[in-house]
Amino acid sequence: MRVLSVVHHRNAAAGVFADAGAELVEWLPHEQEPPDPDAFGAAFVFGADAQVDQEDTRPWLAPEKRLIRELLERGTPLLGICFGSQLLADAAGGLG
């Protein structure tokens, strides 16, 4: 299975999750356009030095949230860690 690994810093990779037995595909939202959500069977969303409401100063947040919402709507399994869990909660409508 291909798993999207959403990483917010070049020096912060998947760590122990790299041994999950899946093909991890790293995406850095602040450097790249969002990938095709159809290409992944699951996703990890890792930490960042940001807050979920900082879309004005961190323009990469809006496209990342759209991708996460789309993955949620498709029923894609997601694991959010630290900032990633806040993004998942926001995308699911929990931080409104």
C-alpha atoms as a PDB file:
ATOM      1  CA  MET A   1       0.000   0.000   0.000  1.00  0.00           C
ATOM      2  CA  ARG A   2       1.154   3.548  -0.730  1.00  0.00           C
ATOM      3  CA  VAL A   3       0.976   5.816   2.298  1.00  0.00           C
ATOM      4  CA  LEU A   4       1.197   9.586   2.101  1.00  0.00           C
ATOM      5  CA  SER A   5       3.607  11.012   4.650  1.00  0.00           C
ATOM      6  CA  VAL A   6       2.841  14.711   5.163  1.00  0.00           C
ATOM      7  CA  VAL A   7       6.026  16.274   6.519  1.00  0.00           C
ATOM      8  CA  HIS A   8       6.370  19.956   7.389  1.00  0.00           C
ATOM      9  CA  HIS A   9      10.153  20.131   7.795  1.00  0.00           C
ATOM     10  CA  ARG A  10      12.925  18.573   5.703  1.00  0.00           C
ATOM     11  CA  ASN A  11      14.672  17.378   8.852  1.00  0.00           C
ATOM     12  CA  ALA A  12      11.523  15.749  10.288  1.00  0.00           C
ATOM     13  CA  ALA A  13      10.742  12.547   8.453  1.00  0.00           C
ATOM     14  CA  ALA A  14       8.472   9.618   9.265  1.00  0.00           C
ATOM     15  CA  GLY A  15      10.784   8.247  11.974  1.00  0.00           C
ATOM     16  CA  VAL A  16       9.490   4.973  13.423  1.00  0.00           C
ATOM     17  CA  PHE A  17       6.580   5.032  10.979  1.00  0.00           C
ATOM     18  CA  ALA A  18       9.031   4.445   8.124  1.00  0.00           C
ATOM     19  CA  ASP A  19       9.008   0.776   9.154  1.00  0.00           C
ATOM     20  CA  ALA A  20       5.228   0.476   8.725  1.00  0.00           C
ATOM     21  CA  GLY A  21       5.643  -2.075   5.927  1.00  0.00           C
ATOM     22  CA  ALA A  22       4.232   0.234   3.289  1.00  0.00           C
ATOM     23  CA  GLU A  23       5.577   2.466   0.550  1.00  0.00           C
ATOM     24  CA  LEU A  24       5.827   5.918   2.132  1.00  0.00           C
ATOM     25  CA  VAL A  25       5.571   8.882  -0.211  1.00  0.00           C
ATOM     26  CA  GLU A  26       6.770  12.092   1.432  1.00  0.00           C
ATOM     27  CA  TRP A  27       4.979  15.373   0.712  1.00  0.00           C
ATOM     28  CA  LEU A  28       6.151  18.765   1.968  1.00  0.00           C
ATOM     29  CA  PRO A  29       3.101  21.075   1.675  1.00  0.00           C
ATOM     30  CA  HIS A  30       5.180  24.263   1.809  1.00  0.00           C
ATOM     31  CA  GLU A  31       7.276  23.123  -1.180  1.00  0.00           C
ATOM     32  CA  GLN A  32       4.958  21.127  -3.452  1.00  0.00           C
ATOM     33  CA  GLU A  33       1.441  21.058  -4.828  1.00  0.00           C
ATOM     34  CA  PRO A  34      -0.884  18.512  -3.196  1.00  0.00           C
ATOM     35  CA  PRO A  35      -0.640  14.987  -4.575  1.00  0.00           C
ATOM     36  CA  ASP A  36      -3.503  13.012  -6.093  1.00  0.00           C
ATOM     37  CA  PRO A  37      -5.502  11.574  -3.175  1.00  0.00           C
ATOM     38  CA  ASP A  38      -6.448   8.544  -5.287  1.00  0.00           C
ATOM     39  CA  ALA A  39      -2.805   7.436  -5.189  1.00  0.00           C
ATOM     40  CA  PHE A  40      -2.828   6.584  -1.460  1.00  0.00           C
ATOM     41  CA  GLY A  41      -4.433   3.994   0.764  1.00  0.00           C
ATOM     42  CA  ALA A  42      -3.613   5.833   4.002  1.00  0.00           C
ATOM     43  CA  ALA A  43      -1.825   8.941   5.276  1.00  0.00           C
ATOM     44  CA  PHE A  44       0.292  10.166   8.172  1.00  0.00           C
ATOM     45  CA  VAL A  45       0.150  13.903   8.954  1.00  0.00           C
ATOM     46  CA  PHE A  46       3.058  15.002  11.134  1.00  0.00           C
ATOM     47  CA  GLY A  47       3.901  18.038  13.258  1.00  0.00           C
ATOM     48  CA  ALA A  48       4.824  21.601  12.312  1.00  0.00           C
ATOM     49  CA  ASP A  49       5.762  24.869  13.951  1.00  0.00           C
ATOM     50  CA  ALA A  50       2.414  26.340  12.952  1.00  0.00           C
ATOM     51  CA  GLN A  51      -1.138  26.759  14.184  1.00  0.00           C
ATOM     52  CA  VAL A  52      -4.125  25.559  12.160  1.00  0.00           C
ATOM     53  CA  ASP A  53      -5.581  29.072  11.936  1.00  0.00           C
ATOM     54  CA  GLN A  54      -2.481  30.675  10.355  1.00  0.00           C
ATOM     55  CA  GLU A  55      -3.595  30.446   6.718  1.00  0.00           C
ATOM     56  CA  ASP A  56      -2.846  34.157   6.211  1.00  0.00           C
ATOM     57  CA  THR A  57       0.834  33.726   7.043  1.00  0.00           C
ATOM     58  CA  ARG A  58       1.227  30.119   5.872  1.00  0.00           C
ATOM     59  CA  PRO A  59      -0.398  29.888   2.435  1.00  0.00           C
ATOM     60  CA  TRP A  60       0.341  26.157   2.144  1.00  0.00           C
ATOM     61  CA  LEU A  61      -2.211  25.418   4.899  1.00  0.00           C
ATOM     62  CA  ALA A  62      -5.349  25.919   2.785  1.00  0.00           C
ATOM     63  CA  PRO A  63      -4.378  23.372   0.085  1.00  0.00           C
ATOM     64  CA  GLU A  64      -3.232  20.925   2.766  1.00  0.00           C
ATOM     65  CA  LYS A  65      -6.556  21.216   4.594  1.00  0.00           C
ATOM     66  CA  ARG A  66      -8.441  20.664   1.329  1.00  0.00           C
ATOM     67  CA  LEU A  67      -6.445  17.486   0.682  1.00  0.00           C
ATOM     68  CA  ILE A  68      -7.052  16.220   4.220  1.00  0.00           C
ATOM     69  CA  ARG A  69     -10.795  16.926   3.913  1.00  0.00           C
ATOM     70  CA  GLU A  70     -10.862  15.022   0.629  1.00  0.00           C
ATOM     71  CA  LEU A  71      -9.035  12.061   2.175  1.00  0.00           C
ATOM     72  CA  LEU A  72     -11.499  12.066   5.089  1.00  0.00           C
ATOM     73  CA  GLU A  73     -14.480  12.177   2.717  1.00  0.00           C
ATOM     74  CA  ARG A  74     -13.058   9.184   0.831  1.00  0.00           C
ATOM     75  CA  GLY A  75     -12.689   7.219   4.044  1.00  0.00           C
ATOM     76  CA  THR A  76      -8.902   7.058   3.758  1.00  0.00           C
ATOM     77  CA  PRO A  77      -7.308   5.990   7.057  1.00  0.00           C
ATOM     78  CA  LEU A  78      -5.405   8.945   8.555  1.00  0.00           C
ATOM     79  CA  LEU A  79      -3.127   9.322  11.549  1.00  0.00           C
ATOM     80  CA  GLY A  80      -2.350  12.824  12.782  1.00  0.00           C
ATOM     81  CA  ILE A  81       0.521  13.463  15.155  1.00  0.00           C
ATOM     82  CA  CYS A  82       0.765  16.718  17.113  1.00  0.00           C
ATOM     83  CA  PHE A  83      -0.024  19.498  14.587  1.00  0.00           C
ATOM     84  CA  GLY A  84      -1.270  16.751  12.269  1.00  0.00           C
ATOM     85  CA  SER A  85      -3.986  15.776  14.746  1.00  0.00           C
ATOM     86  CA  GLN A  86      -5.068  19.419  14.960  1.00  0.00           C
ATOM     87  CA  LEU A  87      -5.278  19.563  11.159  1.00  0.00           C
ATOM     88  CA  LEU A  88      -7.395  16.403  11.089  1.00  0.00           C
ATOM     89  CA  ALA A  89      -9.738  17.824  13.731  1.00  0.00           C
ATOM     90  CA  ASP A  90     -10.047  21.092  11.807  1.00  0.00           C
ATOM     91  CA  ALA A  91     -10.655  19.337   8.482  1.00  0.00           C
ATOM     92  CA  ALA A  92     -13.327  17.192  10.126  1.00  0.00           C
ATOM     93  CA  GLY A  93     -15.118  20.319  11.403  1.00  0.00           C
ATOM     94  CA  GLY A  94     -14.096  19.963  15.027  1.00  0.00           C
ATOM     95  CA  LEU A  95     -12.271  23.283  15.474  1.00  0.00           C
ATOM     96  CA  GLY A  96     -14.785  25.625  13.944  1.00  0.00           C
END
